[in-house]
Amino acid sequence: MDTTQLLKGVLDVAVLAVIQEEDGYGYDIVRRLRAAGLKEVGDASVYGTLRRLYTAGALSTYVVPSDGGPHRKYYGINTEGRTMLAEQRASWTRFANTVSLLLTEQHQPTATIRTIGDKS
């Protein structure tokens, strides 16, 4: 299964979850996502997600000086981000449970699906 589209749908919540554990700079967050099993995550996708979450008010930023290179912009989750993460966790859990149920061999439809034009 190509997980590219699935990853696009859950990248916001994955980034928020990683940052909730510990603040981080862009590449550090990419590395942590990959270490968690999201091997296909692209650098540009994560950087775009960080900008979008920051613009949405879910993240705060601060700069840490570096002796060996450019300063690093760190991202931290704030109150709005924690609320967003809690809501997205609940949505993901409901969605994943539903899909898991659909994919089990024991799944029995709870209702008969009517076709277009069916008047019964």
C-alpha atoms as a PDB file:
ATOM      1  CA  MET A   1       0.000   0.000   0.000  1.00  0.00           C
ATOM      2  CA  ASP A   2       1.297   3.439  -0.901  1.00  0.00           C
ATOM      3  CA  THR A   3       1.235   5.363   2.369  1.00  0.00           C
ATOM      4  CA  THR A   4       1.999   8.758   0.812  1.00  0.00           C
ATOM      5  CA  GLN A   5      -1.619   9.939   0.896  1.00  0.00           C
ATOM      6  CA  LEU A   6      -2.150   8.544   4.395  1.00  0.00           C
ATOM      7  CA  LEU A   7       0.913  10.425   5.598  1.00  0.00           C
ATOM      8  CA  LYS A   8      -0.383  13.709   4.168  1.00  0.00           C
ATOM      9  CA  GLY A   9      -3.581  13.250   6.137  1.00  0.00           C
ATOM     10  CA  VAL A  10      -1.890  12.653   9.475  1.00  0.00           C
ATOM     11  CA  LEU A  11       1.261  14.766   9.280  1.00  0.00           C
ATOM     12  CA  ASP A  12      -0.187  17.639  11.332  1.00  0.00           C
ATOM     13  CA  VAL A  13      -1.100  15.379  14.248  1.00  0.00           C
ATOM     14  CA  ALA A  14       2.180  13.467  13.998  1.00  0.00           C
ATOM     15  CA  VAL A  15       4.215  16.691  14.128  1.00  0.00           C
ATOM     16  CA  LEU A  16       2.176  17.979  17.079  1.00  0.00           C
ATOM     17  CA  ALA A  17       2.678  14.686  18.914  1.00  0.00           C
ATOM     18  CA  VAL A  18       6.445  14.761  18.375  1.00  0.00           C
ATOM     19  CA  ILE A  19       6.718  18.385  19.483  1.00  0.00           C
ATOM     20  CA  GLN A  20       4.565  17.715  22.542  1.00  0.00           C
ATOM     21  CA  GLU A  21       7.261  15.330  23.764  1.00  0.00           C
ATOM     22  CA  GLU A  22      10.016  17.923  23.341  1.00  0.00           C
ATOM     23  CA  ASP A  23      10.567  21.176  21.442  1.00  0.00           C
ATOM     24  CA  GLY A  24      12.639  20.788  18.322  1.00  0.00           C
ATOM     25  CA  TYR A  25      14.051  22.443  15.216  1.00  0.00           C
ATOM     26  CA  GLY A  26      13.039  21.435  11.696  1.00  0.00           C
ATOM     27  CA  TYR A  27      15.462  18.642  10.890  1.00  0.00           C
ATOM     28  CA  ASP A  28      15.302  17.301  14.451  1.00  0.00           C
ATOM     29  CA  ILE A  29      11.533  16.896  14.044  1.00  0.00           C
ATOM     30  CA  VAL A  30      12.036  15.135  10.686  1.00  0.00           C
ATOM     31  CA  ARG A  31      14.548  12.781  12.316  1.00  0.00           C
ATOM     32  CA  ARG A  32      12.201  11.998  15.214  1.00  0.00           C
ATOM     33  CA  LEU A  33       9.286  11.286  12.879  1.00  0.00           C
ATOM     34  CA  ARG A  34      11.457   8.903  10.848  1.00  0.00           C
ATOM     35  CA  ALA A  35      12.734   7.222  14.018  1.00  0.00           C
ATOM     36  CA  ALA A  36       9.112   6.695  15.068  1.00  0.00           C
ATOM     37  CA  GLY A  37       8.454   4.765  11.846  1.00  0.00           C
ATOM     38  CA  LEU A  38       7.389   7.429   9.342  1.00  0.00           C
ATOM     39  CA  LYS A  39      10.366   6.676   7.083  1.00  0.00           C
ATOM     40  CA  GLU A  40       8.787   8.235   3.982  1.00  0.00           C
ATOM     41  CA  VAL A  41       8.266  11.678   5.505  1.00  0.00           C
ATOM     42  CA  GLY A  42       9.886  14.381   3.408  1.00  0.00           C
ATOM     43  CA  ASP A  43      11.847  17.325   4.759  1.00  0.00           C
ATOM     44  CA  ALA A  44       9.833  19.845   2.727  1.00  0.00           C
ATOM     45  CA  SER A  45       6.533  18.370   3.936  1.00  0.00           C
ATOM     46  CA  VAL A  46       7.545  18.721   7.571  1.00  0.00           C
ATOM     47  CA  TYR A  47       8.852  22.275   7.126  1.00  0.00           C
ATOM     48  CA  GLY A  48       5.596  23.230   5.391  1.00  0.00           C
ATOM     49  CA  THR A  49       3.592  21.618   8.183  1.00  0.00           C
ATOM     50  CA  LEU A  50       5.587  23.518  10.818  1.00  0.00           C
ATOM     51  CA  ARG A  51       4.895  26.823   9.044  1.00  0.00           C
ATOM     52  CA  ARG A  52       1.197  26.006   8.686  1.00  0.00           C
ATOM     53  CA  LEU A  53       0.833  24.986  12.358  1.00  0.00           C
ATOM     54  CA  TYR A  54       2.704  28.111  13.455  1.00  0.00           C
ATOM     55  CA  THR A  55       0.434  30.311  11.314  1.00  0.00           C
ATOM     56  CA  ALA A  56      -2.619  28.530  12.757  1.00  0.00           C
ATOM     57  CA  GLY A  57      -1.451  29.478  16.262  1.00  0.00           C
ATOM     58  CA  ALA A  58      -0.653  25.915  17.383  1.00  0.00           C
ATOM     59  CA  LEU A  59       3.096  26.413  17.758  1.00  0.00           C
ATOM     60  CA  SER A  60       5.426  28.987  19.257  1.00  0.00           C
ATOM     61  CA  THR A  61       8.980  29.554  18.052  1.00  0.00           C
ATOM     62  CA  TYR A  62      12.241  30.716  19.526  1.00  0.00           C
ATOM     63  CA  VAL A  63      15.786  30.943  18.184  1.00  0.00           C
ATOM     64  CA  VAL A  64      18.774  29.217  19.769  1.00  0.00           C
ATOM     65  CA  PRO A  65      22.219  30.554  18.810  1.00  0.00           C
ATOM     66  CA  SER A  66      24.704  28.067  17.403  1.00  0.00           C
ATOM     67  CA  ASP A  67      28.489  28.303  17.572  1.00  0.00           C
ATOM     68  CA  GLY A  68      29.008  25.931  14.651  1.00  0.00           C
ATOM     69  CA  GLY A  69      26.532  27.246  12.118  1.00  0.00           C
ATOM     70  CA  PRO A  70      23.335  29.183  11.641  1.00  0.00           C
ATOM     71  CA  HIS A  71      20.981  29.788  14.545  1.00  0.00           C
ATOM     72  CA  ARG A  72      18.215  27.203  14.873  1.00  0.00           C
ATOM     73  CA  LYS A  73      14.528  28.023  15.061  1.00  0.00           C
ATOM     74  CA  TYR A  74      12.871  25.771  17.627  1.00  0.00           C
ATOM     75  CA  TYR A  75       9.167  24.952  17.645  1.00  0.00           C
ATOM     76  CA  GLY A  76       7.173  24.315  20.805  1.00  0.00           C
ATOM     77  CA  ILE A  77       3.536  23.388  21.256  1.00  0.00           C
ATOM     78  CA  ASN A  78       1.312  25.926  23.014  1.00  0.00           C
ATOM     79  CA  THR A  79      -2.186  25.803  24.519  1.00  0.00           C
ATOM     80  CA  GLU A  80      -3.902  26.049  21.123  1.00  0.00           C
ATOM     81  CA  GLY A  81      -1.656  23.276  19.801  1.00  0.00           C
ATOM     82  CA  ARG A  82      -2.448  21.018  22.755  1.00  0.00           C
ATOM     83  CA  THR A  83      -6.164  21.521  22.130  1.00  0.00           C
ATOM     84  CA  MET A  84      -5.678  20.803  18.428  1.00  0.00           C
ATOM     85  CA  LEU A  85      -3.660  17.667  19.242  1.00  0.00           C
ATOM     86  CA  ALA A  86      -6.320  16.353  21.628  1.00  0.00           C
ATOM     87  CA  GLU A  87      -9.057  16.886  19.025  1.00  0.00           C
ATOM     88  CA  GLN A  88      -7.015  15.281  16.248  1.00  0.00           C
ATOM     89  CA  ARG A  89      -6.079  12.321  18.458  1.00  0.00           C
ATOM     90  CA  ALA A  90      -9.757  11.671  19.152  1.00  0.00           C
ATOM     91  CA  SER A  91     -10.637  11.980  15.443  1.00  0.00           C
ATOM     92  CA  TRP A  92      -7.784   9.672  14.452  1.00  0.00           C
ATOM     93  CA  THR A  93      -8.796   7.060  17.027  1.00  0.00           C
ATOM     94  CA  ARG A  94     -12.398   7.019  15.794  1.00  0.00           C
ATOM     95  CA  PHE A  95     -11.286   6.875  12.157  1.00  0.00           C
ATOM     96  CA  ALA A  96      -8.660   4.149  12.716  1.00  0.00           C
ATOM     97  CA  ASN A  97     -11.110   2.036  14.730  1.00  0.00           C
ATOM     98  CA  THR A  98     -13.711   2.314  11.971  1.00  0.00           C
ATOM     99  CA  VAL A  99     -11.279   1.337   9.222  1.00  0.00           C
ATOM    100  CA  SER A 100      -9.902  -1.511  11.339  1.00  0.00           C
ATOM    101  CA  LEU A 101     -13.421  -2.810  11.820  1.00  0.00           C
ATOM    102  CA  LEU A 102     -14.092  -2.596   8.097  1.00  0.00           C
ATOM    103  CA  LEU A 103     -10.914  -4.507   7.306  1.00  0.00           C
ATOM    104  CA  THR A 104     -11.512  -7.413   9.678  1.00  0.00           C
ATOM    105  CA  GLU A 105     -12.684 -10.607   8.063  1.00  0.00           C
ATOM    106  CA  GLN A 106     -15.434 -10.903  10.663  1.00  0.00           C
ATOM    107  CA  HIS A 107     -16.942  -7.554   9.680  1.00  0.00           C
ATOM    108  CA  GLN A 108     -20.692  -7.779   9.122  1.00  0.00           C
ATOM    109  CA  PRO A 109     -22.484  -4.764   7.662  1.00  0.00           C
ATOM    110  CA  THR A 110     -24.956  -3.290  10.110  1.00  0.00           C
ATOM    111  CA  ALA A 111     -27.315  -2.030   7.433  1.00  0.00           C
ATOM    112  CA  THR A 112     -28.278  -2.990   3.938  1.00  0.00           C
ATOM    113  CA  ILE A 113     -26.983  -0.535   1.382  1.00  0.00           C
ATOM    114  CA  ARG A 114     -29.679   0.724  -0.956  1.00  0.00           C
ATOM    115  CA  THR A 115     -28.871   1.355  -4.564  1.00  0.00           C
ATOM    116  CA  ILE A 116     -29.858   4.482  -6.452  1.00  0.00           C
ATOM    117  CA  GLY A 117     -33.513   4.305  -7.350  1.00  0.00           C
ATOM    118  CA  ASP A 118     -34.284   1.638  -4.728  1.00  0.00           C
ATOM    119  CA  LYS A 119     -37.640   2.568  -3.176  1.00  0.00           C
ATOM    120  CA  SER A 120     -37.651   0.010  -0.375  1.00  0.00           C
END
